[in-house]
Amino acid sequence: MLLRKETEIHYIGGAEVLPPPLPAKEELECIEQLVKEQSETARKKLIEHNLRLVVYIAKKFDNTGVGVEDLISIGT
């Protein structure tokens, strides 16, 4: 049996359903919270809002024989 935390977010679909990147100021604030306080909320927010970049980079390696889903998982 596979248990998942309620706070996990799963996206099904293309890049158009992914959240937009954070504004620079908000991203910097999250990075500061992550570094100073090891904030789990800031960490999750940074990961979630950088998924477009992860998907973009993963698609570049699509011809390596590793599934895009696996590459995205590694990238997060």
PDB file of N, CA and C in Angstrom:
ATOM      1  N   MET A   1       0.848  -1.177   0.000  1.00  0.00           N
ATOM      2  CA  MET A   1       0.000   0.000   0.000  1.00  0.00           C
ATOM      3  C   MET A   1       0.888   1.233   0.000  1.00  0.00           C
ATOM      4  N   LEU A   2       0.583   2.162  -0.860  1.00  0.00           N
ATOM      5  CA  LEU A   2       1.373   3.377  -0.996  1.00  0.00           C
ATOM      6  C   LEU A   2       0.642   4.524  -0.309  1.00  0.00           C
ATOM      7  N   LEU A   3       1.278   5.141   0.657  1.00  0.00           N
ATOM      8  CA  LEU A   3       0.675   6.261   1.377  1.00  0.00           C
ATOM      9  C   LEU A   3       1.298   7.557   0.908  1.00  0.00           C
ATOM     10  N   ARG A   4       0.486   8.562   0.749  1.00  0.00           N
ATOM     11  CA  ARG A   4       0.971   9.872   0.315  1.00  0.00           C
ATOM     12  C   ARG A   4       0.542  10.926   1.332  1.00  0.00           C
ATOM     13  N   LYS A   5       1.376  11.929   1.480  1.00  0.00           N
ATOM     14  CA  LYS A   5       1.031  13.046   2.344  1.00  0.00           C
ATOM     15  C   LYS A   5      -0.047  13.874   1.662  1.00  0.00           C
ATOM     16  N   GLU A   6      -0.903  14.481   2.442  1.00  0.00           N
ATOM     17  CA  GLU A   6      -1.966  15.306   1.881  1.00  0.00           C
ATOM     18  C   GLU A   6      -1.434  16.572   1.229  1.00  0.00           C
ATOM     19  N   THR A   7      -0.234  16.981   1.570  1.00  0.00           N
ATOM     20  CA  THR A   7       0.309  18.227   1.042  1.00  0.00           C
ATOM     21  C   THR A   7       0.969  18.063  -0.315  1.00  0.00           C
ATOM     22  N   GLU A   8       1.095  16.827  -0.804  1.00  0.00           N
ATOM     23  CA  GLU A   8       1.724  16.622  -2.101  1.00  0.00           C
ATOM     24  C   GLU A   8       0.796  17.095  -3.209  1.00  0.00           C
ATOM     25  N   ILE A   9       1.388  17.671  -4.242  1.00  0.00           N
ATOM     26  CA  ILE A   9       0.636  18.167  -5.386  1.00  0.00           C
ATOM     27  C   ILE A   9       1.071  17.373  -6.601  1.00  0.00           C
ATOM     28  N   HIS A  10       0.110  16.888  -7.354  1.00  0.00           N
ATOM     29  CA  HIS A  10       0.407  16.111  -8.549  1.00  0.00           C
ATOM     30  C   HIS A  10      -0.236  16.797  -9.747  1.00  0.00           C
ATOM     31  N   TYR A  11       0.530  16.986 -10.818  1.00  0.00           N
ATOM     32  CA  TYR A  11       0.035  17.623 -12.030  1.00  0.00           C
ATOM     33  C   TYR A  11      -0.087  16.587 -13.132  1.00  0.00           C
ATOM     34  N   ILE A  12      -1.242  16.575 -13.768  1.00  0.00           N
ATOM     35  CA  ILE A  12      -1.454  15.701 -14.908  1.00  0.00           C
ATOM     36  C   ILE A  12      -1.786  16.607 -16.078  1.00  0.00           C
ATOM     37  N   GLY A  13      -1.038  16.494 -17.132  1.00  0.00           N
ATOM     38  CA  GLY A  13      -1.265  17.336 -18.297  1.00  0.00           C
ATOM     39  C   GLY A  13       0.024  17.991 -18.724  1.00  0.00           C
ATOM     40  N   GLY A  14      -0.096  18.925 -19.621  1.00  0.00           N
ATOM     41  CA  GLY A  14       1.073  19.599 -20.166  1.00  0.00           C
ATOM     42  C   GLY A  14       1.565  20.731 -19.295  1.00  0.00           C
ATOM     43  N   ALA A  15       2.556  21.428 -19.827  1.00  0.00           N
ATOM     44  CA  ALA A  15       3.187  22.530 -19.091  1.00  0.00           C
ATOM     45  C   ALA A  15       2.218  23.672 -18.820  1.00  0.00           C
ATOM     46  N   GLU A  16       1.147  23.754 -19.604  1.00  0.00           N
ATOM     47  CA  GLU A  16       0.201  24.856 -19.417  1.00  0.00           C
ATOM     48  C   GLU A  16      -0.543  24.771 -18.082  1.00  0.00           C
ATOM     49  N   VAL A  17      -0.545  23.615 -17.429  1.00  0.00           N
ATOM     50  CA  VAL A  17      -1.219  23.487 -16.138  1.00  0.00           C
ATOM     51  C   VAL A  17      -0.264  23.723 -14.964  1.00  0.00           C
ATOM     52  N   LEU A  18       1.006  23.901 -15.252  1.00  0.00           N
ATOM     53  CA  LEU A  18       1.986  24.133 -14.193  1.00  0.00           C
ATOM     54  C   LEU A  18       1.907  25.575 -13.713  1.00  0.00           C
ATOM     55  N   PRO A  19       2.214  25.815 -12.446  1.00  0.00           N
ATOM     56  CA  PRO A  19       2.184  27.186 -11.935  1.00  0.00           C
ATOM     57  C   PRO A  19       3.280  28.024 -12.586  1.00  0.00           C
ATOM     58  N   PRO A  20       3.032  29.319 -12.718  1.00  0.00           N
ATOM     59  CA  PRO A  20       4.047  30.191 -13.321  1.00  0.00           C
ATOM     60  C   PRO A  20       5.238  30.368 -12.381  1.00  0.00           C
ATOM     61  N   PRO A  21       6.389  30.763 -12.937  1.00  0.00           N
ATOM     62  CA  PRO A  21       7.551  31.043 -12.084  1.00  0.00           C
ATOM     63  C   PRO A  21       7.229  32.163 -11.091  1.00  0.00           C
ATOM     64  N   LEU A  22       7.894  32.140  -9.968  1.00  0.00           N
ATOM     65  CA  LEU A  22       7.707  33.187  -8.963  1.00  0.00           C
ATOM     66  C   LEU A  22       8.353  34.485  -9.431  1.00  0.00           C
ATOM     67  N   PRO A  23       7.786  35.627  -9.036  1.00  0.00           N
ATOM     68  CA  PRO A  23       8.487  36.888  -9.279  1.00  0.00           C
ATOM     69  C   PRO A  23       9.836  36.857  -8.546  1.00  0.00           C
ATOM     70  N   ALA A  24      10.813  37.556  -9.078  1.00  0.00           N
ATOM     71  CA  ALA A  24      12.179  37.515  -8.535  1.00  0.00           C
ATOM     72  C   ALA A  24      12.228  37.826  -7.038  1.00  0.00           C
ATOM     73  N   LYS A  25      11.478  38.829  -6.608  1.00  0.00           N
ATOM     74  CA  LYS A  25      11.494  39.222  -5.196  1.00  0.00           C
ATOM     75  C   LYS A  25      10.943  38.097  -4.310  1.00  0.00           C
ATOM     76  N   GLU A  26       9.844  37.492  -4.736  1.00  0.00           N
ATOM     77  CA  GLU A  26       9.239  36.410  -3.957  1.00  0.00           C
ATOM     78  C   GLU A  26      10.140  35.171  -3.938  1.00  0.00           C
ATOM     79  N   GLU A  27      10.790  34.906  -5.062  1.00  0.00           N
ATOM     80  CA  GLU A  27      11.713  33.774  -5.126  1.00  0.00           C
ATOM     81  C   GLU A  27      12.885  33.987  -4.164  1.00  0.00           C
ATOM     82  N   LEU A  28      13.421  35.192  -4.134  1.00  0.00           N
ATOM     83  CA  LEU A  28      14.522  35.508  -3.223  1.00  0.00           C
ATOM     84  C   LEU A  28      14.091  35.353  -1.765  1.00  0.00           C
ATOM     85  N   GLU A  29      12.870  35.793  -1.446  1.00  0.00           N
ATOM     86  CA  GLU A  29      12.357  35.640  -0.083  1.00  0.00           C
ATOM     87  C   GLU A  29      12.257  34.164   0.305  1.00  0.00           C
ATOM     88  N   CYS A  30      11.784  33.342  -0.619  1.00  0.00           N
ATOM     89  CA  CYS A  30      11.676  31.900  -0.352  1.00  0.00           C
ATOM     90  C   CYS A  30      13.053  31.279  -0.147  1.00  0.00           C
ATOM     91  N   ILE A  31      14.010  31.689  -0.957  1.00  0.00           N
ATOM     92  CA  ILE A  31      15.373  31.165  -0.823  1.00  0.00           C
ATOM     93  C   ILE A  31      15.950  31.553   0.535  1.00  0.00           C
ATOM     94  N   GLU A  32      15.721  32.791   0.951  1.00  0.00           N
ATOM     95  CA  GLU A  32      16.211  33.238   2.258  1.00  0.00           C
ATOM     96  C   GLU A  32      15.569  32.436   3.389  1.00  0.00           C
ATOM     97  N   GLN A  33      14.255  32.196   3.295  1.00  0.00           N
ATOM     98  CA  GLN A  33      13.570  31.391   4.317  1.00  0.00           C
ATOM     99  C   GLN A  33      14.120  29.971   4.347  1.00  0.00           C
ATOM    100  N   LEU A  34      14.388  29.442   3.184  1.00  0.00           N
ATOM    101  CA  LEU A  34      14.910  28.080   3.094  1.00  0.00           C
ATOM    102  C   LEU A  34      16.296  27.983   3.727  1.00  0.00           C
ATOM    103  N   VAL A  35      17.145  28.956   3.448  1.00  0.00           N
ATOM    104  CA  VAL A  35      18.512  28.943   3.970  1.00  0.00           C
ATOM    105  C   VAL A  35      18.535  29.222   5.474  1.00  0.00           C
ATOM    106  N   LYS A  36      17.803  30.235   5.902  1.00  0.00           N
ATOM    107  CA  LYS A  36      17.863  30.651   7.303  1.00  0.00           C
ATOM    108  C   LYS A  36      17.052  29.755   8.229  1.00  0.00           C
ATOM    109  N   GLU A  37      15.879  29.322   7.761  1.00  0.00           N
ATOM    110  CA  GLU A  37      14.954  28.614   8.647  1.00  0.00           C
ATOM    111  C   GLU A  37      14.689  27.168   8.228  1.00  0.00           C
ATOM    112  N   GLN A  38      15.304  26.719   7.138  1.00  0.00           N
ATOM    113  CA  GLN A  38      15.015  25.396   6.578  1.00  0.00           C
ATOM    114  C   GLN A  38      13.504  25.210   6.405  1.00  0.00           C
ATOM    115  N   SER A  39      12.851  26.261   5.922  1.00  0.00           N
ATOM    116  CA  SER A  39      11.399  26.274   5.772  1.00  0.00           C
ATOM    117  C   SER A  39      10.935  25.262   4.725  1.00  0.00           C
ATOM    118  N   GLU A  40      10.146  24.297   5.167  1.00  0.00           N
ATOM    119  CA  GLU A  40       9.590  23.284   4.264  1.00  0.00           C
ATOM    120  C   GLU A  40       8.589  23.924   3.301  1.00  0.00           C
ATOM    121  N   THR A  41       7.854  24.913   3.768  1.00  0.00           N
ATOM    122  CA  THR A  41       6.892  25.612   2.913  1.00  0.00           C
ATOM    123  C   THR A  41       7.610  26.333   1.785  1.00  0.00           C
ATOM    124  N   ALA A  42       8.690  27.019   2.102  1.00  0.00           N
ATOM    125  CA  ALA A  42       9.469  27.729   1.082  1.00  0.00           C
ATOM    126  C   ALA A  42      10.077  26.744   0.094  1.00  0.00           C
ATOM    127  N   ARG A  43      10.565  25.625   0.581  1.00  0.00           N
ATOM    128  CA  ARG A  43      11.152  24.587  -0.278  1.00  0.00           C
ATOM    129  C   ARG A  43      10.126  24.067  -1.277  1.00  0.00           C
ATOM    130  N   LYS A  44       8.944  23.732  -0.784  1.00  0.00           N
ATOM    131  CA  LYS A  44       7.887  23.212  -1.656  1.00  0.00           C
ATOM    132  C   LYS A  44       7.443  24.255  -2.680  1.00  0.00           C
ATOM    133  N   LYS A  45       7.367  25.495  -2.246  1.00  0.00           N
ATOM    134  CA  LYS A  45       6.952  26.570  -3.153  1.00  0.00           C
ATOM    135  C   LYS A  45       7.971  26.755  -4.274  1.00  0.00           C
ATOM    136  N   LEU A  46       9.250  26.725  -3.932  1.00  0.00           N
ATOM    137  CA  LEU A  46      10.302  26.852  -4.945  1.00  0.00           C
ATOM    138  C   LEU A  46      10.265  25.689  -5.928  1.00  0.00           C
ATOM    139  N   ILE A  47      10.097  24.492  -5.417  1.00  0.00           N
ATOM    140  CA  ILE A  47      10.028  23.318  -6.290  1.00  0.00           C
ATOM    141  C   ILE A  47       8.826  23.423  -7.215  1.00  0.00           C
ATOM    142  N   GLU A  48       7.674  23.721  -6.650  1.00  0.00           N
ATOM    143  CA  GLU A  48       6.440  23.785  -7.439  1.00  0.00           C
ATOM    144  C   GLU A  48       6.516  24.833  -8.540  1.00  0.00           C
ATOM    145  N   HIS A  49       7.044  25.996  -8.220  1.00  0.00           N
ATOM    146  CA  HIS A  49       7.062  27.090  -9.189  1.00  0.00           C
ATOM    147  C   HIS A  49       8.235  27.014 -10.166  1.00  0.00           C
ATOM    148  N   ASN A  50       9.115  26.034  -9.996  1.00  0.00           N
ATOM    149  CA  ASN A  50      10.198  25.828 -10.962  1.00  0.00           C
ATOM    150  C   ASN A  50       9.988  24.566 -11.798  1.00  0.00           C
ATOM    151  N   LEU A  51       8.808  23.976 -11.704  1.00  0.00           N
ATOM    152  CA  LEU A  51       8.525  22.759 -12.456  1.00  0.00           C
ATOM    153  C   LEU A  51       8.567  22.974 -13.963  1.00  0.00           C
ATOM    154  N   ARG A  52       8.188  24.151 -14.430  1.00  0.00           N
ATOM    155  CA  ARG A  52       8.248  24.422 -15.873  1.00  0.00           C
ATOM    156  C   ARG A  52       9.679  24.268 -16.386  1.00  0.00           C
ATOM    157  N   LEU A  53      10.627  24.787 -15.635  1.00  0.00           N
ATOM    158  CA  LEU A  53      12.033  24.674 -16.016  1.00  0.00           C
ATOM    159  C   LEU A  53      12.473  23.211 -15.999  1.00  0.00           C
ATOM    160  N   VAL A  54      12.055  22.482 -14.982  1.00  0.00           N
ATOM    161  CA  VAL A  54      12.410  21.066 -14.881  1.00  0.00           C
ATOM    162  C   VAL A  54      11.859  20.295 -16.080  1.00  0.00           C
ATOM    163  N   VAL A  55      10.600  20.554 -16.442  1.00  0.00           N
ATOM    164  CA  VAL A  55       9.981  19.875 -17.587  1.00  0.00           C
ATOM    165  C   VAL A  55      10.710  20.249 -18.872  1.00  0.00           C
ATOM    166  N   TYR A  56      11.035  21.517 -19.032  1.00  0.00           N
ATOM    167  CA  TYR A  56      11.745  21.989 -20.227  1.00  0.00           C
ATOM    168  C   TYR A  56      13.090  21.269 -20.379  1.00  0.00           C
ATOM    169  N   ILE A  57      13.838  21.193 -19.295  1.00  0.00           N
ATOM    170  CA  ILE A  57      15.147  20.538 -19.337  1.00  0.00           C
ATOM    171  C   ILE A  57      14.986  19.034 -19.553  1.00  0.00           C
ATOM    172  N   ALA A  58      14.004  18.423 -18.900  1.00  0.00           N
ATOM    173  CA  ALA A  58      13.782  16.977 -19.053  1.00  0.00           C
ATOM    174  C   ALA A  58      13.473  16.621 -20.501  1.00  0.00           C
ATOM    175  N   LYS A  59      12.719  17.462 -21.180  1.00  0.00           N
ATOM    176  CA  LYS A  59      12.379  17.189 -22.582  1.00  0.00           C
ATOM    177  C   LYS A  59      13.620  17.215 -23.471  1.00  0.00           C
ATOM    178  N   LYS A  60      14.628  17.972 -23.101  1.00  0.00           N
ATOM    179  CA  LYS A  60      15.885  18.017 -23.861  1.00  0.00           C
ATOM    180  C   LYS A  60      16.623  16.671 -23.804  1.00  0.00           C
ATOM    181  N   PHE A  61      16.375  15.894 -22.743  1.00  0.00           N
ATOM    182  CA  PHE A  61      17.042  14.607 -22.552  1.00  0.00           C
ATOM    183  C   PHE A  61      16.120  13.433 -22.885  1.00  0.00           C
ATOM    184  N   ASP A  62      15.054  13.710 -23.608  1.00  0.00           N
ATOM    185  CA  ASP A  62      14.054  12.696 -23.937  1.00  0.00           C
ATOM    186  C   ASP A  62      14.633  11.558 -24.776  1.00  0.00           C
ATOM    187  N   ASN A  63      15.700  11.808 -25.509  1.00  0.00           N
ATOM    188  CA  ASN A  63      16.279  10.797 -26.400  1.00  0.00           C
ATOM    189  C   ASN A  63      17.327   9.914 -25.715  1.00  0.00           C
ATOM    190  N   THR A  64      17.425   9.980 -24.404  1.00  0.00           N
ATOM    191  CA  THR A  64      18.454   9.220 -23.688  1.00  0.00           C
ATOM    192  C   THR A  64      18.002   7.826 -23.278  1.00  0.00           C
ATOM    193  N   GLY A  65      16.744   7.517 -23.504  1.00  0.00           N
ATOM    194  CA  GLY A  65      16.227   6.217 -23.100  1.00  0.00           C
ATOM    195  C   GLY A  65      15.617   6.215 -21.712  1.00  0.00           C
ATOM    196  N   VAL A  66      15.757   7.314 -21.002  1.00  0.00           N
ATOM    197  CA  VAL A  66      15.139   7.455 -19.682  1.00  0.00           C
ATOM    198  C   VAL A  66      13.819   8.183 -19.891  1.00  0.00           C
ATOM    199  N   GLY A  67      12.754   7.700 -19.282  1.00  0.00           N
ATOM    200  CA  GLY A  67      11.441   8.320 -19.438  1.00  0.00           C
ATOM    201  C   GLY A  67      11.409   9.750 -18.930  1.00  0.00           C
ATOM    202  N   VAL A  68      10.619  10.585 -19.598  1.00  0.00           N
ATOM    203  CA  VAL A  68      10.498  11.993 -19.195  1.00  0.00           C
ATOM    204  C   VAL A  68       9.997  12.089 -17.759  1.00  0.00           C
ATOM    205  N   GLU A  69       9.076  11.215 -17.383  1.00  0.00           N
ATOM    206  CA  GLU A  69       8.551  11.235 -16.014  1.00  0.00           C
ATOM    207  C   GLU A  69       9.663  10.988 -14.994  1.00  0.00           C
ATOM    208  N   ASP A  70      10.560  10.060 -15.325  1.00  0.00           N
ATOM    209  CA  ASP A  70      11.685   9.783 -14.428  1.00  0.00           C
ATOM    210  C   ASP A  70      12.631  10.976 -14.348  1.00  0.00           C
ATOM    211  N   LEU A  71      12.882  11.602 -15.489  1.00  0.00           N
ATOM    212  CA  LEU A  71      13.762  12.778 -15.506  1.00  0.00           C
ATOM    213  C   LEU A  71      13.166  13.914 -14.686  1.00  0.00           C
ATOM    214  N   ILE A  72      11.859  14.108 -14.797  1.00  0.00           N
ATOM    215  CA  ILE A  72      11.188  15.160 -14.020  1.00  0.00           C
ATOM    216  C   ILE A  72      11.277  14.828 -12.535  1.00  0.00           C
ATOM    217  N   SER A  73      11.074  13.581 -12.192  1.00  0.00           N
ATOM    218  CA  SER A  73      11.175  13.160 -10.797  1.00  0.00           C
ATOM    219  C   SER A  73      12.573  13.420 -10.246  1.00  0.00           C
ATOM    220  N   ILE A  74      13.584  13.108 -11.039  1.00  0.00           N
ATOM    221  CA  ILE A  74      14.968  13.364 -10.634  1.00  0.00           C
ATOM    222  C   ILE A  74      15.204  14.860 -10.477  1.00  0.00           C
ATOM    223  N   GLY A  75      14.614  15.660 -11.358  1.00  0.00           N
ATOM    224  CA  GLY A  75      14.807  17.110 -11.338  1.00  0.00           C
ATOM    225  C   GLY A  75      14.149  17.806 -10.172  1.00  0.00           C
ATOM    226  N   THR A  76      13.190  17.154  -9.534  1.00  0.00           N
ATOM    227  CA  THR A  76      12.521  17.784  -8.409  1.00  0.00           C
ATOM    228  C   THR A  76      13.126  17.303  -7.123  1.00  0.00           C
TER     229      THR A  76
END
